[in-house]
N, C-alpha and C. Protein backbone atom coordinates (compact mmCIF):
# COMPACT_ATOMS: atom_id res chain seq x y z
N MET A 1 7.08 -21.70 -1.31
CA MET A 1 7.67 -20.40 -1.03
C MET A 1 6.65 -19.55 -0.27
N SER A 2 7.06 -18.99 0.85
CA SER A 2 6.15 -18.18 1.64
C SER A 2 6.09 -16.76 1.08
N GLN A 3 4.98 -16.12 1.37
CA GLN A 3 4.80 -14.76 0.90
C GLN A 3 5.71 -13.82 1.68
N SER A 4 6.26 -12.83 0.98
CA SER A 4 7.25 -11.94 1.60
C SER A 4 6.61 -10.70 2.22
N TYR A 5 5.30 -10.66 2.28
CA TYR A 5 4.59 -9.53 2.90
C TYR A 5 3.24 -10.02 3.38
N ARG A 6 2.60 -9.20 4.21
CA ARG A 6 1.26 -9.51 4.71
C ARG A 6 0.37 -8.30 4.46
N LEU A 7 -0.84 -8.54 4.00
CA LEU A 7 -1.82 -7.47 3.80
C LEU A 7 -2.80 -7.47 4.97
N THR A 8 -3.06 -6.31 5.54
CA THR A 8 -4.13 -6.21 6.54
C THR A 8 -5.46 -6.26 5.79
N SER A 9 -6.53 -6.52 6.51
CA SER A 9 -7.85 -6.52 5.88
C SER A 9 -8.19 -5.13 5.35
N THR A 10 -7.72 -4.10 6.03
CA THR A 10 -7.94 -2.73 5.56
C THR A 10 -7.25 -2.49 4.23
N ALA A 11 -5.99 -2.91 4.13
CA ALA A 11 -5.25 -2.75 2.86
C ALA A 11 -5.93 -3.54 1.75
N GLN A 12 -6.41 -4.74 2.06
CA GLN A 12 -7.11 -5.54 1.05
C GLN A 12 -8.36 -4.83 0.57
N ARG A 13 -9.10 -4.23 1.48
CA ARG A 13 -10.31 -3.48 1.08
C ARG A 13 -9.93 -2.28 0.21
N HIS A 14 -8.84 -1.59 0.55
CA HIS A 14 -8.39 -0.46 -0.26
C HIS A 14 -8.08 -0.92 -1.68
N ILE A 15 -7.35 -2.02 -1.81
CA ILE A 15 -6.96 -2.53 -3.13
C ILE A 15 -8.20 -2.91 -3.94
N GLU A 16 -9.14 -3.58 -3.31
CA GLU A 16 -10.37 -3.97 -3.99
C GLU A 16 -11.16 -2.74 -4.46
N ALA A 17 -11.25 -1.72 -3.61
CA ALA A 17 -11.98 -0.50 -3.97
C ALA A 17 -11.29 0.22 -5.13
N ILE A 18 -9.96 0.27 -5.11
CA ILE A 18 -9.21 0.90 -6.20
C ILE A 18 -9.47 0.13 -7.49
N GLY A 19 -9.38 -1.19 -7.42
CA GLY A 19 -9.61 -2.02 -8.61
C GLY A 19 -11.00 -1.83 -9.17
N GLU A 20 -12.01 -1.83 -8.34
CA GLU A 20 -13.39 -1.64 -8.79
C GLU A 20 -13.57 -0.27 -9.43
N PHE A 21 -13.02 0.75 -8.80
CA PHE A 21 -13.16 2.11 -9.32
C PHE A 21 -12.51 2.24 -10.70
N VAL A 22 -11.28 1.76 -10.84
CA VAL A 22 -10.56 1.88 -12.11
C VAL A 22 -11.19 0.97 -13.16
N ALA A 23 -11.59 -0.24 -12.78
CA ALA A 23 -12.16 -1.20 -13.73
C ALA A 23 -13.48 -0.70 -14.32
N ALA A 24 -14.19 0.15 -13.59
CA ALA A 24 -15.45 0.69 -14.11
C ALA A 24 -15.22 1.47 -15.40
N GLU A 25 -14.04 2.04 -15.55
CA GLU A 25 -13.68 2.80 -16.75
C GLU A 25 -12.76 2.03 -17.69
N ASN A 26 -11.86 1.20 -17.11
CA ASN A 26 -10.84 0.56 -17.94
C ASN A 26 -10.29 -0.68 -17.23
N ILE A 27 -10.77 -1.85 -17.64
CA ILE A 27 -10.35 -3.09 -16.99
C ILE A 27 -8.85 -3.34 -17.16
N ASP A 28 -8.29 -2.99 -18.31
CA ASP A 28 -6.85 -3.19 -18.53
C ASP A 28 -6.02 -2.33 -17.58
N ALA A 29 -6.47 -1.12 -17.33
CA ALA A 29 -5.76 -0.24 -16.39
C ALA A 29 -5.84 -0.81 -14.98
N ALA A 30 -7.00 -1.36 -14.61
CA ALA A 30 -7.13 -1.96 -13.28
C ALA A 30 -6.17 -3.14 -13.12
N LEU A 31 -6.07 -3.97 -14.14
CA LEU A 31 -5.15 -5.11 -14.08
C LEU A 31 -3.70 -4.65 -14.00
N LYS A 32 -3.37 -3.57 -14.71
CA LYS A 32 -2.02 -3.02 -14.65
C LYS A 32 -1.70 -2.52 -13.24
N ILE A 33 -2.67 -1.88 -12.61
CA ILE A 33 -2.47 -1.39 -11.24
C ILE A 33 -2.29 -2.55 -10.27
N TYR A 34 -3.15 -3.59 -10.39
CA TYR A 34 -3.00 -4.77 -9.53
C TYR A 34 -1.61 -5.37 -9.68
N ASP A 35 -1.15 -5.52 -10.92
CA ASP A 35 0.19 -6.09 -11.16
C ASP A 35 1.28 -5.22 -10.54
N ALA A 36 1.15 -3.91 -10.67
CA ALA A 36 2.15 -2.99 -10.10
C ALA A 36 2.15 -3.06 -8.57
N PHE A 37 0.96 -3.16 -7.98
CA PHE A 37 0.88 -3.31 -6.52
C PHE A 37 1.58 -4.60 -6.09
N GLU A 38 1.25 -5.70 -6.76
CA GLU A 38 1.85 -7.00 -6.42
C GLU A 38 3.36 -6.94 -6.50
N ALA A 39 3.89 -6.34 -7.56
CA ALA A 39 5.35 -6.23 -7.73
C ALA A 39 5.95 -5.36 -6.61
N ALA A 40 5.29 -4.27 -6.27
CA ALA A 40 5.79 -3.38 -5.21
C ALA A 40 5.75 -4.08 -3.86
N PHE A 41 4.66 -4.81 -3.57
CA PHE A 41 4.56 -5.52 -2.30
C PHE A 41 5.70 -6.53 -2.16
N ALA A 42 5.96 -7.28 -3.23
CA ALA A 42 7.03 -8.28 -3.21
C ALA A 42 8.39 -7.61 -3.00
N MET A 43 8.61 -6.49 -3.69
CA MET A 43 9.87 -5.77 -3.56
C MET A 43 10.05 -5.24 -2.13
N LEU A 44 8.99 -4.67 -1.57
CA LEU A 44 9.06 -4.16 -0.21
C LEU A 44 9.22 -5.29 0.80
N GLY A 45 8.65 -6.44 0.49
CA GLY A 45 8.83 -7.61 1.35
C GLY A 45 10.28 -8.06 1.37
N ALA A 46 10.93 -7.97 0.23
CA ALA A 46 12.33 -8.38 0.13
C ALA A 46 13.29 -7.33 0.68
N MET A 47 12.90 -6.06 0.55
CA MET A 47 13.76 -4.95 0.98
C MET A 47 12.92 -3.92 1.73
N PRO A 48 12.48 -4.24 2.94
CA PRO A 48 11.52 -3.39 3.65
C PRO A 48 12.01 -1.99 4.02
N GLU A 49 13.29 -1.76 4.00
CA GLU A 49 13.79 -0.43 4.36
C GLU A 49 13.81 0.53 3.17
N MET A 50 13.35 0.09 2.01
CA MET A 50 13.37 0.93 0.81
C MET A 50 12.50 2.18 0.91
N GLY A 51 11.39 2.07 1.57
CA GLY A 51 10.47 3.19 1.62
C GLY A 51 11.00 4.36 2.44
N HIS A 52 10.16 5.36 2.55
CA HIS A 52 10.57 6.55 3.29
C HIS A 52 9.59 6.79 4.45
N SER A 53 10.10 7.37 5.51
CA SER A 53 9.28 7.73 6.67
C SER A 53 8.60 9.06 6.40
N ARG A 54 7.44 9.25 7.03
CA ARG A 54 6.72 10.52 6.90
C ARG A 54 6.24 10.92 8.28
N GLN A 55 7.13 11.48 9.08
CA GLN A 55 6.78 11.89 10.43
C GLN A 55 5.77 13.03 10.43
N ASP A 56 5.62 13.69 9.29
CA ASP A 56 4.60 14.74 9.19
C ASP A 56 3.20 14.14 9.08
N LEU A 57 3.10 12.84 8.74
CA LEU A 57 1.80 12.19 8.57
C LEU A 57 1.43 11.28 9.74
N THR A 58 2.43 10.70 10.38
CA THR A 58 2.14 9.77 11.47
C THR A 58 3.38 9.59 12.35
N ASP A 59 3.15 9.35 13.62
CA ASP A 59 4.27 9.05 14.50
C ASP A 59 4.45 7.53 14.65
N ARG A 60 3.61 6.78 13.94
CA ARG A 60 3.76 5.32 13.93
C ARG A 60 5.00 4.94 13.11
N PRO A 61 5.61 3.81 13.38
CA PRO A 61 6.83 3.40 12.67
C PRO A 61 6.52 2.83 11.29
N LEU A 62 5.90 3.64 10.45
CA LEU A 62 5.49 3.21 9.12
C LEU A 62 6.40 3.79 8.05
N LYS A 63 6.42 3.12 6.91
CA LYS A 63 7.13 3.63 5.74
C LYS A 63 6.15 3.73 4.59
N PHE A 64 6.56 4.49 3.57
CA PHE A 64 5.69 4.80 2.45
C PHE A 64 6.41 4.53 1.13
N TRP A 65 5.63 4.07 0.14
CA TRP A 65 6.18 3.80 -1.19
C TRP A 65 5.11 4.16 -2.22
N ASN A 66 5.52 4.86 -3.28
CA ASN A 66 4.57 5.27 -4.32
C ASN A 66 4.50 4.26 -5.45
N VAL A 67 3.28 4.04 -5.94
CA VAL A 67 3.03 3.27 -7.15
C VAL A 67 1.98 4.05 -7.93
N PHE A 68 2.37 4.57 -9.09
CA PHE A 68 1.50 5.47 -9.86
C PHE A 68 1.07 6.60 -8.92
N SER A 69 -0.22 6.86 -8.81
CA SER A 69 -0.68 7.95 -7.94
C SER A 69 -1.14 7.42 -6.57
N TYR A 70 -0.72 6.21 -6.23
CA TYR A 70 -1.12 5.58 -4.98
C TYR A 70 0.06 5.50 -4.01
N LEU A 71 -0.26 5.47 -2.74
CA LEU A 71 0.72 5.42 -1.68
C LEU A 71 0.53 4.12 -0.90
N ILE A 72 1.56 3.29 -0.90
CA ILE A 72 1.55 2.07 -0.10
C ILE A 72 2.12 2.43 1.27
N VAL A 73 1.37 2.13 2.30
CA VAL A 73 1.78 2.41 3.67
C VAL A 73 2.03 1.06 4.34
N TYR A 74 3.24 0.88 4.89
CA TYR A 74 3.57 -0.43 5.45
C TYR A 74 4.43 -0.31 6.68
N GLU A 75 4.41 -1.40 7.45
CA GLU A 75 5.20 -1.49 8.67
C GLU A 75 6.39 -2.41 8.38
N PRO A 76 7.60 -1.83 8.26
CA PRO A 76 8.76 -2.62 7.86
C PRO A 76 9.32 -3.52 8.96
N SER A 77 8.97 -3.25 10.22
CA SER A 77 9.59 -3.98 11.33
C SER A 77 8.95 -5.34 11.59
N THR A 78 7.78 -5.60 10.99
CA THR A 78 7.16 -6.91 11.18
C THR A 78 7.81 -7.92 10.24
N ASN A 79 7.64 -9.19 10.55
CA ASN A 79 8.21 -10.23 9.70
C ASN A 79 7.11 -11.20 9.30
N PRO A 80 6.62 -11.13 8.07
CA PRO A 80 7.07 -10.27 6.99
C PRO A 80 6.49 -8.85 7.15
N PRO A 81 7.00 -7.90 6.36
CA PRO A 81 6.46 -6.53 6.42
C PRO A 81 4.94 -6.54 6.18
N THR A 82 4.25 -5.67 6.88
CA THR A 82 2.79 -5.62 6.82
C THR A 82 2.33 -4.38 6.05
N ILE A 83 1.57 -4.60 4.98
CA ILE A 83 0.96 -3.51 4.22
C ILE A 83 -0.29 -3.11 4.98
N VAL A 84 -0.32 -1.88 5.50
CA VAL A 84 -1.45 -1.45 6.33
C VAL A 84 -2.47 -0.62 5.56
N ALA A 85 -2.06 0.00 4.44
CA ALA A 85 -2.99 0.81 3.65
C ALA A 85 -2.44 1.01 2.25
N VAL A 86 -3.36 1.19 1.31
CA VAL A 86 -3.01 1.58 -0.06
C VAL A 86 -3.99 2.69 -0.42
N LEU A 87 -3.46 3.90 -0.56
CA LEU A 87 -4.32 5.08 -0.68
C LEU A 87 -3.95 5.92 -1.89
N HIS A 88 -4.95 6.54 -2.47
CA HIS A 88 -4.68 7.50 -3.55
C HIS A 88 -3.99 8.71 -2.92
N GLY A 89 -3.01 9.26 -3.61
CA GLY A 89 -2.24 10.38 -3.10
C GLY A 89 -3.06 11.62 -2.79
N ALA A 90 -4.26 11.74 -3.38
CA ALA A 90 -5.11 12.90 -3.14
C ALA A 90 -5.90 12.79 -1.83
N ARG A 91 -5.89 11.61 -1.21
CA ARG A 91 -6.62 11.44 0.04
C ARG A 91 -5.89 12.14 1.18
N ASP A 92 -6.59 12.37 2.24
CA ASP A 92 -5.99 12.95 3.45
C ASP A 92 -5.35 11.80 4.22
N VAL A 93 -4.13 11.46 3.86
CA VAL A 93 -3.44 10.30 4.40
C VAL A 93 -3.31 10.40 5.91
N GLU A 94 -2.99 11.56 6.40
CA GLU A 94 -2.84 11.75 7.85
C GLU A 94 -4.12 11.35 8.58
N GLN A 95 -5.26 11.80 8.10
CA GLN A 95 -6.55 11.47 8.74
C GLN A 95 -6.87 9.98 8.64
N VAL A 96 -6.61 9.39 7.48
CA VAL A 96 -6.88 7.97 7.31
C VAL A 96 -6.04 7.14 8.28
N LEU A 97 -4.79 7.50 8.46
CA LEU A 97 -3.91 6.74 9.35
C LEU A 97 -4.24 6.94 10.82
N LYS A 98 -4.99 7.97 11.15
CA LYS A 98 -5.39 8.19 12.55
C LYS A 98 -6.54 7.27 12.95
N ARG A 99 -7.26 6.75 11.94
CA ARG A 99 -8.39 5.86 12.25
C ARG A 99 -7.86 4.54 12.78
N PRO A 100 -8.63 3.93 13.70
CA PRO A 100 -8.19 2.64 14.26
C PRO A 100 -8.16 1.53 13.24
């Protein structure tokens, strides 16, 4: 069975940083977050139009989906959908998405 989504190297780094940060205080919470991300990625891979657009944050054809206090940013038009970033909601998402 092929994977229903693709992670960019940037998104992978975000996930690893989130896991390390949370695991420093609570390994069980970090594992719960990883599981929730995995479930959300699979769901978005199966139904890529589920997310919402945020033209106030980017003019790129990206969609957004929340998991806990994190924002999954993905490109639904690719096959499979591409997860481009996973960011804490308190970050300046607009600025992060402007970076190359």
